[in-house]
């Protein structure tokens, strides 16, 4: 049996930078997720996730393992900047 604990948090800082979900493992590894209904906001959302990653003080915490945008329609792919766009349809039924 695996003892695998995750912590889910909503993130908002004093500059009003928001991220829908930060998922953190017990060892400090973490990933950020933004959730959008359609594909029209992908570019703006990716910029938001990049701001988050660029503002991380890596002396205090690890950099993100991945940055992700979950969308309600479309296909899943990884952008050239490394941000994953994940179609909810590819997550299974």
PDB file of N, CA and C in Angstrom:
ATOM      1  N   UNK A   1       0.837  -1.170   0.000  1.00  0.00           N
ATOM      2  CA  UNK A   1       0.000   0.000   0.000  1.00  0.00           C
ATOM      3  C   UNK A   1       0.889   1.242   0.000  1.00  0.00           C
ATOM      4  N   UNK A   2       0.474   2.246  -0.740  1.00  0.00           N
ATOM      5  CA  UNK A   2       1.237   3.480  -0.867  1.00  0.00           C
ATOM      6  C   UNK A   2       0.645   4.546   0.050  1.00  0.00           C
ATOM      7  N   UNK A   3       1.495   5.172   0.843  1.00  0.00           N
ATOM      8  CA  UNK A   3       1.060   6.287   1.674  1.00  0.00           C
ATOM      9  C   UNK A   3       1.294   7.566   0.876  1.00  0.00           C
ATOM     10  N   UNK A   4       0.280   7.998   0.139  1.00  0.00           N
ATOM     11  CA  UNK A   4       0.418   9.107  -0.794  1.00  0.00           C
ATOM     12  C   UNK A   4      -0.545  10.201  -0.392  1.00  0.00           C
ATOM     13  N   UNK A   5      -0.021  11.310   0.096  1.00  0.00           N
ATOM     14  CA  UNK A   5      -0.871  12.397   0.531  1.00  0.00           C
ATOM     15  C   UNK A   5      -0.704  13.594  -0.392  1.00  0.00           C
ATOM     16  N   UNK A   6      -1.818  14.219  -0.728  1.00  0.00           N
ATOM     17  CA  UNK A   6      -1.812  15.423  -1.551  1.00  0.00           C
ATOM     18  C   UNK A   6      -2.517  16.538  -0.800  1.00  0.00           C
ATOM     19  N   UNK A   7      -2.080  17.745  -1.053  1.00  0.00           N
ATOM     20  CA  UNK A   7      -2.746  18.914  -0.483  1.00  0.00           C
ATOM     21  C   UNK A   7      -3.199  19.778  -1.652  1.00  0.00           C
ATOM     22  N   UNK A   8      -4.455  20.178  -1.651  1.00  0.00           N
ATOM     23  CA  UNK A   8      -5.029  21.019  -2.692  1.00  0.00           C
ATOM     24  C   UNK A   8      -5.318  22.390  -2.099  1.00  0.00           C
ATOM     25  N   UNK A   9      -4.825  23.444  -2.754  1.00  0.00           N
ATOM     26  CA  UNK A   9      -5.102  24.792  -2.264  1.00  0.00           C
ATOM     27  C   UNK A   9      -5.437  25.718  -3.430  1.00  0.00           C
ATOM     28  N   UNK A  10      -6.214  26.736  -3.139  1.00  0.00           N
ATOM     29  CA  UNK A  10      -6.469  27.842  -4.059  1.00  0.00           C
ATOM     30  C   UNK A  10      -5.418  28.890  -3.748  1.00  0.00           C
ATOM     31  N   UNK A  11      -4.849  29.523  -4.777  1.00  0.00           N
ATOM     32  CA  UNK A  11      -3.775  30.480  -4.565  1.00  0.00           C
ATOM     33  C   UNK A  11      -4.197  31.874  -4.983  1.00  0.00           C
ATOM     34  N   UNK A  12      -3.947  32.841  -4.130  1.00  0.00           N
ATOM     35  CA  UNK A  12      -4.111  34.257  -4.462  1.00  0.00           C
ATOM     36  C   UNK A  12      -3.107  35.029  -3.628  1.00  0.00           C
ATOM     37  N   UNK A  13      -2.321  35.878  -4.307  1.00  0.00           N
ATOM     38  CA  UNK A  13      -1.324  36.638  -3.565  1.00  0.00           C
ATOM     39  C   UNK A  13      -1.725  38.109  -3.450  1.00  0.00           C
ATOM     40  N   UNK A  14      -0.876  38.924  -2.845  1.00  0.00           N
ATOM     41  CA  UNK A  14      -1.197  40.336  -2.603  1.00  0.00           C
ATOM     42  C   UNK A  14      -1.274  41.151  -3.895  1.00  0.00           C
ATOM     43  N   UNK A  15      -0.732  40.628  -4.986  1.00  0.00           N
ATOM     44  CA  UNK A  15      -0.837  41.291  -6.291  1.00  0.00           C
ATOM     45  C   UNK A  15      -2.048  40.814  -7.079  1.00  0.00           C
ATOM     46  N   UNK A  16      -2.909  40.052  -6.430  1.00  0.00           N
ATOM     47  CA  UNK A  16      -4.133  39.499  -7.017  1.00  0.00           C
ATOM     48  C   UNK A  16      -3.870  38.467  -8.108  1.00  0.00           C
ATOM     49  N   UNK A  17      -2.689  37.865  -8.082  1.00  0.00           N
ATOM     50  CA  UNK A  17      -2.392  36.737  -8.969  1.00  0.00           C
ATOM     51  C   UNK A  17      -3.109  35.525  -8.404  1.00  0.00           C
ATOM     52  N   UNK A  18      -3.965  34.912  -9.223  1.00  0.00           N
ATOM     53  CA  UNK A  18      -4.772  33.783  -8.772  1.00  0.00           C
ATOM     54  C   UNK A  18      -4.493  32.543  -9.601  1.00  0.00           C
ATOM     55  N   UNK A  19      -4.554  31.400  -8.941  1.00  0.00           N
ATOM     56  CA  UNK A  19      -4.460  30.102  -9.599  1.00  0.00           C
ATOM     57  C   UNK A  19      -5.539  29.222  -8.981  1.00  0.00           C
ATOM     58  N   UNK A  20      -6.309  28.536  -9.831  1.00  0.00           N
ATOM     59  CA  UNK A  20      -7.442  27.751  -9.340  1.00  0.00           C
ATOM     60  C   UNK A  20      -7.040  26.657  -8.375  1.00  0.00           C
ATOM     61  N   UNK A  21      -5.957  25.953  -8.661  1.00  0.00           N
ATOM     62  CA  UNK A  21      -5.564  24.848  -7.773  1.00  0.00           C
ATOM     63  C   UNK A  21      -4.055  24.636  -7.812  1.00  0.00           C
ATOM     64  N   UNK A  22      -3.498  24.529  -6.634  1.00  0.00           N
ATOM     65  CA  UNK A  22      -2.124  24.078  -6.454  1.00  0.00           C
ATOM     66  C   UNK A  22      -2.239  22.700  -5.804  1.00  0.00           C
ATOM     67  N   UNK A  23      -1.611  21.718  -6.405  1.00  0.00           N
ATOM     68  CA  UNK A  23      -1.621  20.367  -5.852  1.00  0.00           C
ATOM     69  C   UNK A  23      -0.199  20.080  -5.394  1.00  0.00           C
ATOM     70  N   UNK A  24      -0.068  19.811  -4.090  1.00  0.00           N
ATOM     71  CA  UNK A  24       1.255  19.605  -3.506  1.00  0.00           C
ATOM     72  C   UNK A  24       1.363  18.219  -2.882  1.00  0.00           C
ATOM     73  N   UNK A  25       2.471  17.551  -3.181  1.00  0.00           N
ATOM     74  CA  UNK A  25       2.750  16.247  -2.572  1.00  0.00           C
ATOM     75  C   UNK A  25       3.458  16.454  -1.239  1.00  0.00           C
ATOM     76  N   UNK A  26       3.509  15.404  -0.446  1.00  0.00           N
ATOM     77  CA  UNK A  26       4.121  15.475   0.880  1.00  0.00           C
ATOM     78  C   UNK A  26       5.598  15.855   0.846  1.00  0.00           C
ATOM     79  N   UNK A  27       6.280  15.617  -0.275  1.00  0.00           N
ATOM     80  CA  UNK A  27       7.702  15.921  -0.378  1.00  0.00           C
ATOM     81  C   UNK A  27       7.983  17.334  -0.890  1.00  0.00           C
ATOM     82  N   UNK A  28       6.935  18.132  -1.104  1.00  0.00           N
ATOM     83  CA  UNK A  28       7.099  19.504  -1.553  1.00  0.00           C
ATOM     84  C   UNK A  28       6.990  19.702  -3.053  1.00  0.00           C
ATOM     85  N   UNK A  29       6.931  18.618  -3.827  1.00  0.00           N
ATOM     86  CA  UNK A  29       6.689  18.753  -5.262  1.00  0.00           C
ATOM     87  C   UNK A  29       5.270  19.287  -5.465  1.00  0.00           C
ATOM     88  N   UNK A  30       5.089  20.161  -6.447  1.00  0.00           N
ATOM     89  CA  UNK A  30       3.761  20.724  -6.672  1.00  0.00           C
ATOM     90  C   UNK A  30       3.541  21.058  -8.139  1.00  0.00           C
ATOM     91  N   UNK A  31       2.272  21.197  -8.487  1.00  0.00           N
ATOM     92  CA  UNK A  31       1.858  21.582  -9.833  1.00  0.00           C
ATOM     93  C   UNK A  31       0.710  22.576  -9.722  1.00  0.00           C
ATOM     94  N   UNK A  32       0.593  23.444 -10.713  1.00  0.00           N
ATOM     95  CA  UNK A  32      -0.468  24.445 -10.730  1.00  0.00           C
ATOM     96  C   UNK A  32      -1.452  24.131 -11.844  1.00  0.00           C
ATOM     97  N   UNK A  33      -2.743  24.360 -11.561  1.00  0.00           N
ATOM     98  CA  UNK A  33      -3.815  24.085 -12.513  1.00  0.00           C
ATOM     99  C   UNK A  33      -4.771  25.266 -12.589  1.00  0.00           C
ATOM    100  N   UNK A  34      -5.047  25.694 -13.804  1.00  0.00           N
ATOM    101  CA  UNK A  34      -6.093  26.663 -14.062  1.00  0.00           C
ATOM    102  C   UNK A  34      -7.178  25.932 -14.838  1.00  0.00           C
ATOM    103  N   UNK A  35      -8.430  26.267 -14.594  1.00  0.00           N
ATOM    104  CA  UNK A  35      -9.557  25.579 -15.226  1.00  0.00           C
ATOM    105  C   UNK A  35     -10.371  26.603 -16.013  1.00  0.00           C
ATOM    106  N   UNK A  36     -10.549  26.333 -17.309  1.00  0.00           N
ATOM    107  CA  UNK A  36     -11.301  27.208 -18.197  1.00  0.00           C
ATOM    108  C   UNK A  36     -12.311  26.370 -18.979  1.00  0.00           C
ATOM    109  N   UNK A  37     -13.473  26.940 -19.270  1.00  0.00           N
ATOM    110  CA  UNK A  37     -14.504  26.204 -20.006  1.00  0.00           C
ATOM    111  C   UNK A  37     -14.119  25.971 -21.462  1.00  0.00           C
ATOM    112  N   UNK A  38     -13.542  26.968 -22.095  1.00  0.00           N
ATOM    113  CA  UNK A  38     -13.206  26.846 -23.508  1.00  0.00           C
ATOM    114  C   UNK A  38     -11.745  27.156 -23.754  1.00  0.00           C
ATOM    115  N   UNK A  39     -11.385  27.241 -25.026  1.00  0.00           N
ATOM    116  CA  UNK A  39      -9.995  27.448 -25.393  1.00  0.00           C
ATOM    117  C   UNK A  39      -9.646  28.917 -25.640  1.00  0.00           C
ATOM    118  N   UNK A  40     -10.610  29.807 -25.532  1.00  0.00           N
ATOM    119  CA  UNK A  40     -10.389  31.218 -25.832  1.00  0.00           C
ATOM    120  C   UNK A  40      -9.472  31.957 -24.876  1.00  0.00           C
ATOM    121  N   UNK A  41      -9.264  31.443 -23.691  1.00  0.00           N
ATOM    122  CA  UNK A  41      -8.461  32.132 -22.682  1.00  0.00           C
ATOM    123  C   UNK A  41      -7.104  31.466 -22.449  1.00  0.00           C
ATOM    124  N   UNK A  42      -6.701  30.566 -23.326  1.00  0.00           N
ATOM    125  CA  UNK A  42      -5.471  29.803 -23.092  1.00  0.00           C
ATOM    126  C   UNK A  42      -4.242  30.704 -23.004  1.00  0.00           C
ATOM    127  N   UNK A  43      -4.100  31.658 -23.914  1.00  0.00           N
ATOM    128  CA  UNK A  43      -2.894  32.505 -23.919  1.00  0.00           C
ATOM    129  C   UNK A  43      -2.799  33.340 -22.644  1.00  0.00           C
ATOM    130  N   UNK A  44      -3.886  33.986 -22.268  1.00  0.00           N
ATOM    131  CA  UNK A  44      -3.896  34.799 -21.053  1.00  0.00           C
ATOM    132  C   UNK A  44      -3.648  33.937 -19.811  1.00  0.00           C
ATOM    133  N   UNK A  45      -4.235  32.770 -19.785  1.00  0.00           N
ATOM    134  CA  UNK A  45      -4.065  31.864 -18.658  1.00  0.00           C
ATOM    135  C   UNK A  45      -2.625  31.362 -18.573  1.00  0.00           C
ATOM    136  N   UNK A  46      -2.021  31.075 -19.711  1.00  0.00           N
ATOM    137  CA  UNK A  46      -0.626  30.636 -19.729  1.00  0.00           C
ATOM    138  C   UNK A  46       0.283  31.736 -19.189  1.00  0.00           C
ATOM    139  N   UNK A  47       0.016  32.971 -19.553  1.00  0.00           N
ATOM    140  CA  UNK A  47       0.808  34.089 -19.032  1.00  0.00           C
ATOM    141  C   UNK A  47       0.675  34.192 -17.516  1.00  0.00           C
ATOM    142  N   UNK A  48      -0.519  33.955 -17.016  1.00  0.00           N
ATOM    143  CA  UNK A  48      -0.769  33.978 -15.578  1.00  0.00           C
ATOM    144  C   UNK A  48       0.050  32.888 -14.869  1.00  0.00           C
ATOM    145  N   UNK A  49       0.061  31.700 -15.443  1.00  0.00           N
ATOM    146  CA  UNK A  49       0.833  30.606 -14.849  1.00  0.00           C
ATOM    147  C   UNK A  49       2.335  30.895 -14.907  1.00  0.00           C
ATOM    148  N   UNK A  50       2.800  31.513 -15.985  1.00  0.00           N
ATOM    149  CA  UNK A  50       4.211  31.882 -16.084  1.00  0.00           C
ATOM    150  C   UNK A  50       4.574  32.916 -15.020  1.00  0.00           C
ATOM    151  N   UNK A  51       3.676  33.874 -14.761  1.00  0.00           N
ATOM    152  CA  UNK A  51       3.916  34.858 -13.695  1.00  0.00           C
ATOM    153  C   UNK A  51       4.101  34.157 -12.365  1.00  0.00           C
ATOM    154  N   UNK A  52       3.231  33.195 -12.099  1.00  0.00           N
ATOM    155  CA  UNK A  52       3.338  32.437 -10.855  1.00  0.00           C
ATOM    156  C   UNK A  52       4.707  31.764 -10.765  1.00  0.00           C
ATOM    157  N   UNK A  53       5.085  31.048 -11.805  1.00  0.00           N
ATOM    158  CA  UNK A  53       6.360  30.320 -11.801  1.00  0.00           C
ATOM    159  C   UNK A  53       7.543  31.266 -11.646  1.00  0.00           C
ATOM    160  N   UNK A  54       7.471  32.422 -12.289  1.00  0.00           N
ATOM    161  CA  UNK A  54       8.571  33.389 -12.216  1.00  0.00           C
ATOM    162  C   UNK A  54       8.680  34.063 -10.858  1.00  0.00           C
ATOM    163  N   UNK A  55       7.599  34.086 -10.094  1.00  0.00           N
ATOM    164  CA  UNK A  55       7.604  34.741  -8.786  1.00  0.00           C
ATOM    165  C   UNK A  55       7.958  33.807  -7.633  1.00  0.00           C
ATOM    166  N   UNK A  56       8.191  32.540  -7.918  1.00  0.00           N
ATOM    167  CA  UNK A  56       8.495  31.576  -6.859  1.00  0.00           C
ATOM    168  C   UNK A  56       9.895  31.820  -6.313  1.00  0.00           C
ATOM    169  N   UNK A  57       9.987  31.923  -5.011  1.00  0.00           N
ATOM    170  CA  UNK A  57      11.285  32.025  -4.349  1.00  0.00           C
ATOM    171  C   UNK A  57      11.802  30.605  -4.150  1.00  0.00           C
ATOM    172  N   UNK A  58      12.698  30.176  -5.024  1.00  0.00           N
ATOM    173  CA  UNK A  58      13.174  28.790  -4.981  1.00  0.00           C
ATOM    174  C   UNK A  58      14.109  28.514  -3.802  1.00  0.00           C
ATOM    175  N   UNK A  59      14.407  29.527  -3.004  1.00  0.00           N
ATOM    176  CA  UNK A  59      15.129  29.289  -1.749  1.00  0.00           C
ATOM    177  C   UNK A  59      14.174  28.778  -0.679  1.00  0.00           C
ATOM    178  N   UNK A  60      12.875  29.037  -0.868  1.00  0.00           N
ATOM    179  CA  UNK A  60      11.865  28.631   0.114  1.00  0.00           C
ATOM    180  C   UNK A  60      11.035  27.433  -0.335  1.00  0.00           C
ATOM    181  N   UNK A  61      10.856  27.278  -1.634  1.00  0.00           N
ATOM    182  CA  UNK A  61      10.040  26.177  -2.148  1.00  0.00           C
ATOM    183  C   UNK A  61      10.587  25.725  -3.501  1.00  0.00           C
ATOM    184  N   UNK A  62      10.240  24.529  -3.869  1.00  0.00           N
ATOM    185  CA  UNK A  62      10.673  23.993  -5.158  1.00  0.00           C
ATOM    186  C   UNK A  62       9.932  24.688  -6.295  1.00  0.00           C
ATOM    187  N   UNK A  63      10.537  24.729  -7.480  1.00  0.00           N
ATOM    188  CA  UNK A  63       9.786  25.232  -8.636  1.00  0.00           C
ATOM    189  C   UNK A  63       8.681  24.233  -8.988  1.00  0.00           C
ATOM    190  N   UNK A  64       7.668  24.662  -9.734  1.00  0.00           N
ATOM    191  CA  UNK A  64       6.578  23.733 -10.071  1.00  0.00           C
ATOM    192  C   UNK A  64       7.059  22.577 -10.935  1.00  0.00           C
ATOM    193  N   UNK A  65       6.480  21.403 -10.702  1.00  0.00           N
ATOM    194  CA  UNK A  65       6.749  20.239 -11.544  1.00  0.00           C
ATOM    195  C   UNK A  65       6.056  20.382 -12.885  1.00  0.00           C
ATOM    196  N   UNK A  66       4.900  21.047 -12.891  1.00  0.00           N
ATOM    197  CA  UNK A  66       4.195  21.310 -14.146  1.00  0.00           C
ATOM    198  C   UNK A  66       3.212  22.455 -13.958  1.00  0.00           C
ATOM    199  N   UNK A  67       2.931  23.120 -15.069  1.00  0.00           N
ATOM    200  CA  UNK A  67       1.912  24.161 -15.140  1.00  0.00           C
ATOM    201  C   UNK A  67       0.872  23.664 -16.129  1.00  0.00           C
ATOM    202  N   UNK A  68      -0.413  23.770 -15.756  1.00  0.00           N
ATOM    203  CA  UNK A  68      -1.464  23.100 -16.523  1.00  0.00           C
ATOM    204  C   UNK A  68      -2.711  23.954 -16.656  1.00  0.00           C
ATOM    205  N   UNK A  69      -3.323  23.864 -17.827  1.00  0.00           N
ATOM    206  CA  UNK A  69      -4.611  24.503 -18.075  1.00  0.00           C
ATOM    207  C   UNK A  69      -5.584  23.391 -18.466  1.00  0.00           C
ATOM    208  N   UNK A  70      -6.624  23.231 -17.689  1.00  0.00           N
ATOM    209  CA  UNK A  70      -7.662  22.246 -18.011  1.00  0.00           C
ATOM    210  C   UNK A  70      -8.786  22.982 -18.726  1.00  0.00           C
ATOM    211  N   UNK A  71      -9.130  22.492 -19.925  1.00  0.00           N
ATOM    212  CA  UNK A  71     -10.176  23.125 -20.732  1.00  0.00           C
ATOM    213  C   UNK A  71     -11.325  22.148 -20.970  1.00  0.00           C
ATOM    214  N   UNK A  72     -12.513  22.690 -21.183  1.00  0.00           N
ATOM    215  CA  UNK A  72     -13.697  21.860 -21.368  1.00  0.00           C
ATOM    216  C   UNK A  72     -13.829  21.269 -22.757  1.00  0.00           C
ATOM    217  N   UNK A  73     -13.144  21.853 -23.735  1.00  0.00           N
ATOM    218  CA  UNK A  73     -13.238  21.383 -25.116  1.00  0.00           C
ATOM    219  C   UNK A  73     -11.853  21.355 -25.743  1.00  0.00           C
ATOM    220  N   UNK A  74     -11.773  20.803 -26.927  1.00  0.00           N
ATOM    221  CA  UNK A  74     -10.512  20.814 -27.661  1.00  0.00           C
ATOM    222  C   UNK A  74      -9.662  19.592 -27.401  1.00  0.00           C
ATOM    223  N   UNK A  75      -8.380  19.724 -27.765  1.00  0.00           N
ATOM    224  CA  UNK A  75      -7.448  18.610 -27.637  1.00  0.00           C
ATOM    225  C   UNK A  75      -6.428  18.910 -26.546  1.00  0.00           C
ATOM    226  N   UNK A  76      -5.748  17.869 -26.086  1.00  0.00           N
ATOM    227  CA  UNK A  76      -4.686  18.021 -25.104  1.00  0.00           C
ATOM    228  C   UNK A  76      -3.351  18.127 -25.827  1.00  0.00           C
ATOM    229  N   UNK A  77      -2.499  19.005 -25.344  1.00  0.00           N
ATOM    230  CA  UNK A  77      -1.171  19.175 -25.931  1.00  0.00           C
ATOM    231  C   UNK A  77      -0.278  19.937 -24.960  1.00  0.00           C
ATOM    232  N   UNK A  78       1.001  19.931 -25.228  1.00  0.00           N
ATOM    233  CA  UNK A  78       1.950  20.732 -24.463  1.00  0.00           C
ATOM    234  C   UNK A  78       2.415  21.879 -25.345  1.00  0.00           C
ATOM    235  N   UNK A  79       2.271  23.071 -24.839  1.00  0.00           N
ATOM    236  CA  UNK A  79       2.668  24.276 -25.564  1.00  0.00           C
ATOM    237  C   UNK A  79       4.198  24.359 -25.642  1.00  0.00           C
ATOM    238  N   UNK A  80       4.728  25.161 -26.565  1.00  0.00           N
ATOM    239  CA  UNK A  80       6.183  25.323 -26.652  1.00  0.00           C
ATOM    240  C   UNK A  80       6.823  25.839 -25.351  1.00  0.00           C
ATOM    241  N   UNK A  81       6.062  26.573 -24.537  1.00  0.00           N
ATOM    242  CA  UNK A  81       6.605  27.066 -23.265  1.00  0.00           C
ATOM    243  C   UNK A  81       6.540  26.026 -22.143  1.00  0.00           C
ATOM    244  N   UNK A  82       6.059  24.814 -22.475  1.00  0.00           N
ATOM    245  CA  UNK A  82       6.021  23.730 -21.495  1.00  0.00           C
ATOM    246  C   UNK A  82       4.725  23.610 -20.714  1.00  0.00           C
ATOM    247  N   UNK A  83       3.807  24.530 -20.898  1.00  0.00           N
ATOM    248  CA  UNK A  83       2.530  24.475 -20.194  1.00  0.00           C
ATOM    249  C   UNK A  83       1.633  23.454 -20.880  1.00  0.00           C
ATOM    250  N   UNK A  84       1.047  22.579 -20.083  1.00  0.00           N
ATOM    251  CA  UNK A  84       0.152  21.540 -20.593  1.00  0.00           C
ATOM    252  C   UNK A  84      -1.266  22.082 -20.704  1.00  0.00           C
ATOM    253  N   UNK A  85      -1.883  21.865 -21.856  1.00  0.00           N
ATOM    254  CA  UNK A  85      -3.301  22.166 -22.054  1.00  0.00           C
ATOM    255  C   UNK A  85      -3.992  20.811 -22.076  1.00  0.00           C
ATOM    256  N   UNK A  86      -4.884  20.597 -21.117  1.00  0.00           N
ATOM    257  CA  UNK A  86      -5.490  19.294 -20.912  1.00  0.00           C
ATOM    258  C   UNK A  86      -6.988  19.377 -21.156  1.00  0.00           C
ATOM    259  N   UNK A  87      -7.466  18.681 -22.168  1.00  0.00           N
ATOM    260  CA  UNK A  87      -8.900  18.635 -22.434  1.00  0.00           C
ATOM    261  C   UNK A  87      -9.556  17.724 -21.405  1.00  0.00           C
ATOM    262  N   UNK A  88     -10.641  18.187 -20.810  1.00  0.00           N
ATOM    263  CA  UNK A  88     -11.316  17.373 -19.801  1.00  0.00           C
ATOM    264  C   UNK A  88     -11.742  16.028 -20.388  1.00  0.00           C
ATOM    265  N   UNK A  89     -11.999  15.978 -21.683  1.00  0.00           N
ATOM    266  CA  UNK A  89     -12.382  14.733 -22.335  1.00  0.00           C
ATOM    267  C   UNK A  89     -11.279  13.687 -22.306  1.00  0.00           C
ATOM    268  N   UNK A  90     -10.030  14.122 -22.224  1.00  0.00           N
ATOM    269  CA  UNK A  90      -8.918  13.163 -22.192  1.00  0.00           C
ATOM    270  C   UNK A  90      -8.662  12.628 -20.789  1.00  0.00           C
ATOM    271  N   UNK A  91      -9.371  13.137 -19.792  1.00  0.00           N
ATOM    272  CA  UNK A  91      -9.186  12.677 -18.409  1.00  0.00           C
ATOM    273  C   UNK A  91      -9.949  11.390 -18.120  1.00  0.00           C
ATOM    274  N   UNK A  92     -10.805  10.978 -19.043  1.00  0.00           N
ATOM    275  CA  UNK A  92     -11.553   9.737 -18.869  1.00  0.00           C
ATOM    276  C   UNK A  92     -12.992   9.996 -18.483  1.00  0.00           C
ATOM    277  N   UNK A  93     -13.702   8.894 -18.353  1.00  0.00           N
ATOM    278  CA  UNK A  93     -15.140   8.984 -18.045  1.00  0.00           C
ATOM    279  C   UNK A  93     -15.411   8.680 -16.606  1.00  0.00           C
TER     280      UNK A  93
END
